Amino acid sequence: MPSTNDILGVIMGGGRGTRLYPLTNVRAKPAVPIAGKYRLIDIPLSNCINSDINRIAVLTQFNSVSLHRHITQTYNFDPFHRGWVQIWAAEQTFANQTWYQGTADAVRKQILEIRATEAEYVLILAGDHLYRMNYENMAEYLWKKDADICIAVQPVSAAHASRFGILKRDPNGYLTNFVEKPKDPDVLKNFVSRDDPERPYLGSMGIYFFKTDVLIDVLENSTADDFGGEVIPNAINTKEVIGFDFEGYWEDIGTIRSFYEANLNLTLKDPPFKIYNPQTPMYTHPRFLPGAIVNDARLDRVFLSEGSYISHAEIIHSVIGLRSQISNNAFLKDTVLMGADYYEKNRLQKNEVPIGIGPNSHVEGALIDKNVRIGANVIIKPFPRGTEEQFEHWAIRDGIVVIPKGTTIPDGTIIAPKG
């Protein structure tokens, strides 16, 4: 029986992340902070480490400096450990003059590096999903079936089928057909794979496990740019492809709305996803910050990160990130505050707004990136769902007010629906 030592993990980290803009204006999507102190890339990296997959490559391309810095500062194994986390950045060579054109093209351009690892299997992962999974179980299922490719699948209802690539599976576990985000009920009738009227379909989770020689074969004999819409549908017709069932929490947080709600769900008494598990923790960069200081404040359903200072404020159903500074009489509700990268050491200039939430400010339904300066007496309130607008210093995405990294919102600013 093979082992996880024979597996190479490959994480896709190079996309522009346009659906998460403006959070991705100055950073790659996998570098976006989540849950107060983590970054999106920590999720698949932690899942790999907890699954004893210790050779991991992260494919990067767009706005990648902060992502590279986080990976190199965080994921360093000791010299007696056989594992590593490497960055395979897009590069121009004499053989290839173009950048990554898609997920499959990115892996195709790194076939030389994949061969050099001598790994017998390759696990391909996305960098913008929130879940906890033991990939070893998926690998063992492929080894047991001796199939060529294994795809992680999740039960899907008819109402959510249009969000997924839907796969058809036969009684023996082999996948026989694929349709991308179907909306036609007549098409869906042919893709029922489960004897469950509530969730009769199987949706692809974007997690692919290949025999290495099969992966190289399908990539070298194709010009397809993406796995989900091109490589996998073609492989179903020519290779033995199986579906591995996963029924735990899994969320594609590639949009502002899904990202915002996934963060706020962490504040619930019984959250659908628990960021902490003693057996399978989520790893991130150790910062050695002091505990948060809360001075005469009211907090209810708050996910609070270390290094923060909260004074005489009221915070409800919100995520408070590292080094957050929240001033007197501030009110926050339904808000994701990402905090700051540093503490201000120098004295502020006259009329300069400090990092954090200013006194007497009222913030609801907002997503506030790092190092944002919100002045005194600022009012921010959510807009109706579906509202999309772009302004010079903020944006509205599906009704959520998004304040980009490093922005200053002057005293007395009002960002709210008219009337």
Protein backbone atom coordinates (compact mmCIF):
# COMPACT_ATOMS: atom_id res chain seq x y z
CA MET A 1 0.00 0.00 0.00
CA PRO A 2 1.40 3.47 -0.85
CA SER A 3 1.70 6.11 1.88
CA THR A 4 1.31 9.86 2.22
CA ASN A 5 5.09 10.11 1.75
CA ASP A 6 4.38 9.35 -1.92
CA ILE A 7 2.07 12.38 -2.30
CA LEU A 8 2.92 15.89 -3.50
CA GLY A 9 0.44 18.59 -2.50
CA VAL A 10 -0.04 21.40 -5.03
CA ILE A 11 -2.02 24.47 -3.96
CA MET A 12 -3.32 26.93 -6.54
CA GLY A 13 -2.47 30.40 -5.27
CA GLY A 14 -1.99 32.53 -8.35
CA GLY A 15 -5.43 33.82 -9.35
CA ARG A 16 -6.40 37.49 -9.44
CA GLY A 17 -9.28 36.97 -7.02
CA THR A 18 -11.51 39.49 -8.78
CA ARG A 19 -14.60 38.33 -6.87
CA LEU A 20 -12.87 39.29 -3.59
CA TYR A 21 -11.84 42.74 -4.81
CA PRO A 22 -10.99 45.18 -3.19
CA LEU A 23 -9.53 42.79 -0.58
CA THR A 24 -7.29 41.51 -3.39
CA ASN A 25 -6.20 44.94 -4.60
CA VAL A 26 -2.77 44.66 -2.96
CA ARG A 27 -2.49 40.93 -2.21
CA ALA A 28 -3.12 37.51 -3.72
CA LYS A 29 -6.42 35.87 -2.81
CA PRO A 30 -4.81 33.16 -0.60
CA ALA A 31 -3.12 35.94 1.41
CA VAL A 32 -6.44 37.53 2.44
CA PRO A 33 -6.78 37.46 6.26
CA ILE A 34 -9.53 35.31 7.78
CA ALA A 35 -10.76 34.53 11.30
CA GLY A 36 -8.86 37.40 12.89
CA LYS A 37 -5.33 35.99 12.72
CA TYR A 38 -5.10 33.51 9.82
CA ARG A 39 -4.81 33.77 6.05
CA LEU A 40 -6.73 31.73 3.48
CA ILE A 41 -3.59 29.83 2.46
CA ASP A 42 -3.31 28.49 6.02
CA ILE A 43 -6.38 26.29 5.47
CA PRO A 44 -5.06 23.95 2.72
CA LEU A 45 -1.53 24.05 4.12
CA SER A 46 -2.76 23.01 7.57
CA ASN A 47 -4.97 20.29 6.08
CA CYS A 48 -1.95 18.89 4.22
CA ILE A 49 0.26 18.90 7.32
CA ASN A 50 -2.48 17.32 9.43
CA SER A 51 -2.88 14.64 6.72
CA ASP A 52 0.87 13.84 6.86
CA ILE A 53 1.41 15.30 3.40
CA ASN A 54 4.64 17.15 4.00
CA ARG A 55 5.83 18.02 0.49
CA ILE A 56 3.76 20.97 -0.64
CA ALA A 57 4.13 23.42 -3.53
CA VAL A 58 2.18 26.67 -3.74
CA LEU A 59 1.76 28.03 -7.27
CA THR A 60 1.76 31.82 -7.20
CA GLN A 61 1.56 34.63 -9.72
CA PHE A 62 -0.55 37.71 -8.99
CA ASN A 63 0.20 40.24 -6.18
CA SER A 64 2.27 37.53 -4.51
CA VAL A 65 4.74 39.41 -2.27
CA SER A 66 2.73 39.22 0.98
CA LEU A 67 1.77 35.60 0.24
CA HIS A 68 5.43 34.66 -0.26
CA ARG A 69 6.40 36.47 2.93
CA HIS A 70 3.73 34.71 4.98
CA ILE A 71 4.65 31.25 3.67
CA THR A 72 8.40 31.66 4.11
CA GLN A 73 8.02 33.08 7.64
CA THR A 74 5.56 30.43 8.77
CA TYR A 75 6.10 27.04 7.14
CA ASN A 76 9.66 26.01 7.91
CA PHE A 77 10.36 22.41 8.90
CA ASP A 78 13.40 21.46 10.95
CA PRO A 79 16.50 20.13 9.12
CA PHE A 80 15.76 16.54 10.21
CA HIS A 81 12.31 16.59 8.61
CA ARG A 82 11.89 15.35 5.05
CA GLY A 83 9.08 17.77 4.28
CA TRP A 84 9.03 21.22 2.72
CA VAL A 85 6.76 23.98 1.51
CA GLN A 86 7.99 25.54 -1.72
CA ILE A 87 6.78 28.48 -3.77
CA TRP A 88 6.55 27.75 -7.49
CA ALA A 89 6.10 31.21 -8.93
CA ALA A 90 5.05 31.83 -12.51
CA GLU A 91 8.11 32.57 -14.62
CA GLN A 92 9.06 33.19 -18.20
CA THR A 93 11.49 30.67 -19.66
CA PHE A 94 12.91 29.93 -23.11
CA ALA A 95 10.26 27.23 -23.44
CA ASN A 96 7.34 29.29 -22.07
CA GLN A 97 6.98 33.04 -22.48
CA THR A 98 3.47 33.33 -21.00
CA TRP A 99 2.23 33.45 -17.42
CA TYR A 100 -0.20 30.93 -15.93
CA GLN A 101 -3.38 30.94 -18.01
CA GLY A 102 -5.46 28.84 -15.59
CA THR A 103 -5.20 26.08 -12.99
CA ALA A 104 -4.31 23.30 -15.43
CA ASP A 105 -1.91 25.49 -17.37
CA ALA A 106 -0.15 26.44 -14.11
CA VAL A 107 0.43 22.78 -13.21
CA ARG A 108 1.45 21.98 -16.79
CA LYS A 109 4.16 24.64 -16.62
CA GLN A 110 5.55 22.96 -13.48
CA ILE A 111 5.70 19.38 -14.79
CA LEU A 112 9.51 19.47 -14.64
CA GLU A 113 9.36 20.32 -10.92
CA ILE A 114 6.70 17.68 -10.29
CA ARG A 115 8.84 15.02 -11.96
CA ALA A 116 11.85 16.11 -9.89
CA THR A 117 10.00 15.29 -6.64
CA GLU A 118 9.51 11.67 -7.81
CA ALA A 119 6.11 11.73 -6.09
CA GLU A 120 3.83 8.94 -7.30
CA TYR A 121 0.66 10.96 -6.61
CA VAL A 122 -0.32 14.63 -6.83
CA LEU A 123 -3.05 16.27 -4.75
CA ILE A 124 -4.34 19.52 -6.29
CA LEU A 125 -6.07 22.01 -4.00
CA ALA A 126 -7.65 25.45 -4.17
CA GLY A 127 -6.45 28.29 -1.98
CA ASP A 128 -9.82 29.91 -1.19
CA HIS A 129 -11.92 27.22 0.52
CA LEU A 130 -12.73 26.90 4.22
CA TYR A 131 -12.92 23.32 5.51
CA ARG A 132 -11.07 20.66 7.50
CA MET A 133 -10.30 17.40 5.71
CA ASN A 134 -8.02 14.41 6.10
CA TYR A 135 -6.70 13.88 2.57
CA GLU A 136 -5.24 10.51 3.58
CA ASN A 137 -8.77 9.06 3.56
CA MET A 138 -9.24 10.28 -0.01
CA ALA A 139 -5.89 8.80 -1.03
CA GLU A 140 -6.70 5.44 0.52
CA TYR A 141 -9.98 5.34 -1.41
CA LEU A 142 -8.11 5.79 -4.70
CA TRP A 143 -5.55 3.16 -3.72
CA LYS A 144 -8.29 0.72 -2.81
CA LYS A 145 -10.11 1.23 -6.12
CA ASP A 146 -6.82 1.51 -8.08
CA ALA A 147 -8.36 4.34 -10.08
CA ASP A 148 -6.51 7.03 -12.03
CA ILE A 149 -8.12 10.13 -10.54
CA CYS A 150 -10.18 10.82 -7.43
CA ILE A 151 -12.37 13.92 -7.01
CA ALA A 152 -13.74 15.04 -3.66
CA VAL A 153 -17.51 15.48 -3.93
CA GLN A 154 -20.17 16.86 -1.63
CA PRO A 155 -23.95 16.28 -1.56
CA VAL A 156 -25.77 19.20 -3.19
CA SER A 157 -29.44 20.22 -3.23
CA ALA A 158 -31.30 21.29 -6.36
CA ALA A 159 -31.34 24.88 -5.07
CA HIS A 160 -27.54 25.03 -4.92
CA ALA A 161 -26.68 22.92 -7.98
CA SER A 162 -26.09 25.99 -10.16
CA ARG A 163 -23.14 26.96 -7.94
CA PHE A 164 -21.21 23.72 -8.57
CA GLY A 165 -19.77 21.50 -11.20
CA ILE A 166 -22.15 18.53 -10.92
CA LEU A 167 -20.88 14.99 -11.40
CA LYS A 168 -22.77 11.80 -12.26
CA ARG A 169 -21.61 8.67 -10.40
CA ASP A 170 -22.49 5.06 -11.16
CA PRO A 171 -23.23 2.42 -8.46
CA ASN A 172 -19.58 1.28 -8.50
CA GLY A 173 -18.31 4.72 -7.52
CA TYR A 174 -16.99 5.75 -10.94
CA LEU A 175 -17.82 9.16 -12.39
CA THR A 176 -19.45 9.04 -15.81
CA ASN A 177 -20.48 12.59 -16.67
CA PHE A 178 -20.01 16.24 -15.72
CA VAL A 179 -21.91 19.47 -16.19
CA GLU A 180 -20.73 22.93 -15.11
CA LYS A 181 -23.16 24.92 -12.93
CA PRO A 182 -26.39 23.57 -14.46
CA LYS A 183 -29.60 25.60 -14.27
CA ASP A 184 -31.84 23.57 -16.57
CA PRO A 185 -34.05 21.12 -14.57
CA ASP A 186 -34.12 18.74 -17.55
CA VAL A 187 -30.33 18.53 -17.49
CA LEU A 188 -30.29 17.95 -13.74
CA LYS A 189 -32.61 14.97 -14.08
CA ASN A 190 -29.75 13.05 -15.68
CA PHE A 191 -27.32 13.82 -12.84
CA VAL A 192 -29.06 12.34 -9.83
CA SER A 193 -26.42 10.24 -8.01
CA ARG A 194 -27.81 9.94 -4.48
CA ASP A 195 -30.96 8.36 -3.08
CA ASP A 196 -31.70 11.51 -1.12
CA PRO A 197 -34.51 13.86 -2.20
CA GLU A 198 -32.99 16.74 -0.22
CA ARG A 199 -29.48 16.50 -1.73
CA PRO A 200 -29.60 14.21 -4.76
CA TYR A 201 -26.55 15.61 -6.60
CA LEU A 202 -22.78 15.47 -6.21
CA GLY A 203 -20.86 18.72 -6.46
CA SER A 204 -17.14 18.92 -7.16
CA MET A 205 -15.16 20.52 -4.33
CA GLY A 206 -12.21 21.40 -6.55
CA ILE A 207 -9.98 18.82 -4.82
CA TYR A 208 -8.29 16.43 -7.27
CA PHE A 209 -6.04 13.45 -6.51
CA PHE A 210 -4.05 12.07 -9.46
CA LYS A 211 -1.63 9.33 -10.16
CA THR A 212 1.34 11.42 -11.26
CA ASP A 213 1.79 9.68 -14.61
CA VAL A 214 -1.92 10.16 -15.34
CA LEU A 215 -1.73 13.87 -14.47
CA ILE A 216 1.25 14.38 -16.76
CA ASP A 217 -0.46 12.43 -19.54
CA VAL A 218 -3.70 14.44 -19.46
CA LEU A 219 -1.83 17.74 -19.32
CA GLU A 220 0.77 17.04 -21.99
CA ASN A 221 -1.88 15.75 -24.38
CA SER A 222 -4.17 18.72 -23.93
CA THR A 223 -4.10 22.50 -24.24
CA ALA A 224 -6.89 22.98 -21.67
CA ASP A 225 -6.26 25.80 -19.22
CA ASP A 226 -8.50 24.78 -16.30
CA PHE A 227 -9.15 21.59 -14.36
CA GLY A 228 -12.77 22.07 -13.38
CA GLY A 229 -14.34 22.93 -16.71
CA GLU A 230 -11.96 21.23 -19.14
CA VAL A 231 -9.43 18.66 -17.87
CA ILE A 232 -11.75 16.76 -15.52
CA PRO A 233 -14.69 16.43 -17.98
CA ASN A 234 -12.31 15.11 -20.65
CA ALA A 235 -10.60 12.74 -18.21
CA ILE A 236 -13.94 11.20 -17.22
CA ASN A 237 -14.24 9.91 -20.79
CA THR A 238 -10.72 8.46 -21.00
CA LYS A 239 -9.57 7.57 -17.46
CA GLU A 240 -10.93 5.77 -14.42
CA VAL A 241 -12.25 8.61 -12.27
CA ILE A 242 -13.93 8.08 -8.89
CA GLY A 243 -15.72 10.36 -6.46
CA PHE A 244 -14.78 10.54 -2.77
CA ASP A 245 -17.64 11.57 -0.47
CA PHE A 246 -17.12 14.42 1.98
CA GLU A 247 -20.03 15.57 4.14
CA GLY A 248 -18.27 17.93 6.55
CA TYR A 249 -18.32 21.71 6.45
CA TRP A 250 -16.95 23.12 3.21
CA GLU A 251 -17.38 26.63 1.87
CA ASP A 252 -16.03 28.31 -1.24
CA ILE A 253 -15.23 31.77 0.13
CA GLY A 254 -14.27 33.30 -3.18
CA THR A 255 -16.88 36.09 -3.01
CA ILE A 256 -17.23 39.03 -0.63
CA ARG A 257 -20.61 37.79 0.63
CA SER A 258 -19.44 34.20 1.31
CA PHE A 259 -16.19 35.45 2.87
CA TYR A 260 -18.04 37.91 5.12
CA GLU A 261 -20.62 35.36 6.28
CA ALA A 262 -18.03 32.61 6.85
CA ASN A 263 -16.13 34.96 9.17
CA LEU A 264 -19.22 36.03 11.13
CA ASN A 265 -20.34 32.41 11.52
CA LEU A 266 -17.24 31.87 13.66
CA THR A 267 -18.82 34.06 16.36
CA LEU A 268 -21.80 31.74 16.87
CA LYS A 269 -22.18 29.66 20.02
CA ASP A 270 -22.05 26.49 17.93
CA PRO A 271 -20.33 27.58 14.69
CA PRO A 272 -20.71 25.39 11.60
CA PHE A 273 -16.93 25.42 11.30
CA LYS A 274 -14.66 25.42 14.35
CA ILE A 275 -11.34 27.05 13.55
CA TYR A 276 -9.72 25.24 16.50
CA ASN A 277 -9.40 21.50 16.86
CA PRO A 278 -6.73 20.05 19.17
CA GLN A 279 -6.12 17.06 16.88
CA THR A 280 -6.06 19.03 13.62
CA PRO A 281 -5.18 22.66 14.37
CA MET A 282 -5.00 25.43 11.81
CA TYR A 283 -1.47 26.79 11.64
CA THR A 284 -0.37 30.34 10.98
CA HIS A 285 2.49 32.74 11.61
CA PRO A 286 3.31 32.92 15.35
CA ARG A 287 3.35 36.57 16.38
CA PHE A 288 3.83 36.42 20.19
CA LEU A 289 1.39 39.25 20.80
CA PRO A 290 -0.04 40.08 24.24
CA GLY A 291 -3.59 39.15 25.13
CA ALA A 292 -6.37 41.52 24.17
CA ILE A 293 -7.21 44.30 26.68
CA VAL A 294 -10.90 45.06 27.16
CA ASN A 295 -11.68 48.08 29.31
CA ASP A 296 -15.29 48.65 30.42
CA ALA A 297 -16.76 47.35 27.14
CA ARG A 298 -19.69 45.14 26.16
CA LEU A 299 -18.93 42.21 23.86
CA ASP A 300 -21.51 39.73 22.58
CA ARG A 301 -20.72 36.99 20.07
CA VAL A 302 -17.28 38.42 19.32
CA PHE A 303 -14.35 36.52 17.83
CA LEU A 304 -11.49 38.46 19.43
CA SER A 305 -7.83 38.25 18.39
CA GLU A 306 -4.77 38.98 20.50
CA GLY A 307 -2.98 42.28 20.65
CA SER A 308 -6.22 44.29 20.56
CA TYR A 309 -7.31 47.17 22.78
CA ILE A 310 -11.01 47.93 23.29
CA SER A 311 -12.12 50.81 25.50
CA HIS A 312 -15.70 51.68 26.53
CA ALA A 313 -17.12 50.23 23.32
CA GLU A 314 -19.97 47.93 22.36
CA ILE A 315 -19.31 45.11 19.89
CA ILE A 316 -21.93 42.62 18.70
CA HIS A 317 -21.60 39.66 16.31
CA SER A 318 -18.23 40.70 14.90
CA VAL A 319 -14.72 39.42 14.20
CA ILE A 320 -11.92 41.56 15.64
CA GLY A 321 -8.50 41.00 14.09
CA LEU A 322 -4.95 41.32 15.39
CA ARG A 323 -3.88 44.62 17.02
CA SER A 324 -7.32 46.20 16.58
CA GLN A 325 -7.74 49.54 18.36
CA ILE A 326 -11.34 50.48 19.20
CA SER A 327 -11.94 53.80 20.92
CA ASN A 328 -14.43 55.14 23.46
CA ASN A 329 -18.15 54.83 22.72
CA ALA A 330 -17.59 53.09 19.39
CA PHE A 331 -20.28 50.64 18.28
CA LEU A 332 -19.63 47.67 15.98
CA LYS A 333 -22.17 45.14 14.78
CA ASP A 334 -22.08 42.47 12.05
CA THR A 335 -18.59 43.65 11.16
CA VAL A 336 -15.32 41.98 10.20
CA LEU A 337 -12.43 44.16 11.38
CA MET A 338 -9.12 42.71 10.17
CA GLY A 339 -6.95 44.73 12.52
CA ALA A 340 -3.46 46.02 11.80
CA ASP A 341 -0.02 44.83 10.73
CA TYR A 342 1.75 47.02 13.31
CA TYR A 343 1.35 49.34 16.26
CA GLU A 344 1.90 53.02 15.59
CA LYS A 345 5.15 54.07 17.25
CA ASN A 346 5.46 57.67 16.11
CA ARG A 347 3.28 60.51 17.33
CA LEU A 348 0.49 61.36 14.95
CA GLN A 349 0.54 64.63 13.06
CA LYS A 350 -2.15 67.20 13.79
CA ASN A 351 -5.57 66.06 12.52
CA GLU A 352 -4.15 62.65 11.49
CA VAL A 353 -6.56 59.78 12.11
CA PRO A 354 -5.06 56.87 14.11
CA ILE A 355 -5.35 53.26 12.99
CA GLY A 356 -8.54 51.61 14.25
CA ILE A 357 -12.08 52.73 15.06
CA GLY A 358 -12.41 56.30 16.30
CA PRO A 359 -14.53 57.52 19.22
CA ASN A 360 -18.30 57.67 18.87
CA SER A 361 -18.23 55.88 15.51
CA HIS A 362 -21.06 53.53 14.55
CA VAL A 363 -20.16 50.64 12.20
CA GLU A 364 -22.57 47.96 10.98
CA GLY A 365 -22.44 45.43 8.15
CA ALA A 366 -18.89 46.27 7.14
CA LEU A 367 -15.75 44.45 6.09
CA ILE A 368 -12.76 46.56 7.14
CA ASP A 369 -9.33 45.57 5.87
CA LYS A 370 -6.02 45.97 7.72
CA ASN A 371 -4.47 49.28 8.75
CA VAL A 372 -7.68 51.21 8.13
CA ARG A 373 -8.13 54.55 9.94
CA ILE A 374 -11.73 55.34 10.79
CA GLY A 375 -12.13 58.75 12.39
CA ALA A 376 -14.46 60.00 15.07
CA ASN A 377 -18.23 60.17 14.64
CA VAL A 378 -18.17 58.05 11.47
CA ILE A 379 -21.37 56.22 10.52
CA ILE A 380 -21.23 53.08 8.36
CA LYS A 381 -24.35 51.01 7.71
CA PRO A 382 -25.10 48.15 5.28
CA PHE A 383 -26.92 48.61 1.99
CA PRO A 384 -29.66 46.34 0.55
CA ARG A 385 -28.37 42.98 -0.62
CA GLY A 386 -27.39 43.05 -4.26
CA THR A 387 -26.11 46.65 -4.13
CA GLU A 388 -22.84 47.02 -6.05
CA GLU A 389 -21.02 50.37 -6.13
CA GLN A 390 -17.42 51.56 -6.29
CA PHE A 391 -16.16 54.76 -4.70
CA GLU A 392 -12.68 56.25 -4.32
CA HIS A 393 -12.13 55.10 -0.73
CA TRP A 394 -14.66 52.30 -0.26
CA ALA A 395 -16.85 49.87 -2.13
CA ILE A 396 -20.22 48.20 -1.71
CA ARG A 397 -20.32 44.52 -2.58
CA ASP A 398 -23.67 42.73 -2.35
CA GLY A 399 -24.74 45.33 0.20
CA ILE A 400 -21.61 44.97 2.37
CA VAL A 401 -19.48 48.08 2.88
CA VAL A 402 -15.83 47.19 2.17
CA ILE A 403 -13.03 49.52 3.31
CA PRO A 404 -9.75 48.64 1.52
CA LYS A 405 -6.40 48.20 3.25
CA GLY A 406 -4.72 51.36 4.50
CA THR A 407 -7.69 53.64 3.79
CA THR A 408 -8.46 56.69 5.93
CA ILE A 409 -12.11 57.56 6.56
CA PRO A 410 -12.23 61.17 7.89
CA ASP A 411 -14.13 62.30 10.97
CA GLY A 412 -17.87 62.60 10.50
CA THR A 413 -18.07 60.55 7.28
CA ILE A 414 -21.44 58.89 6.63
CA ILE A 415 -21.62 55.75 4.48
CA ALA A 416 -25.21 54.58 4.56
CA PRO A 417 -28.28 54.18 2.35
CA LYS A 418 -30.13 57.44 1.75
CA GLY A 419 -33.22 57.87 3.82
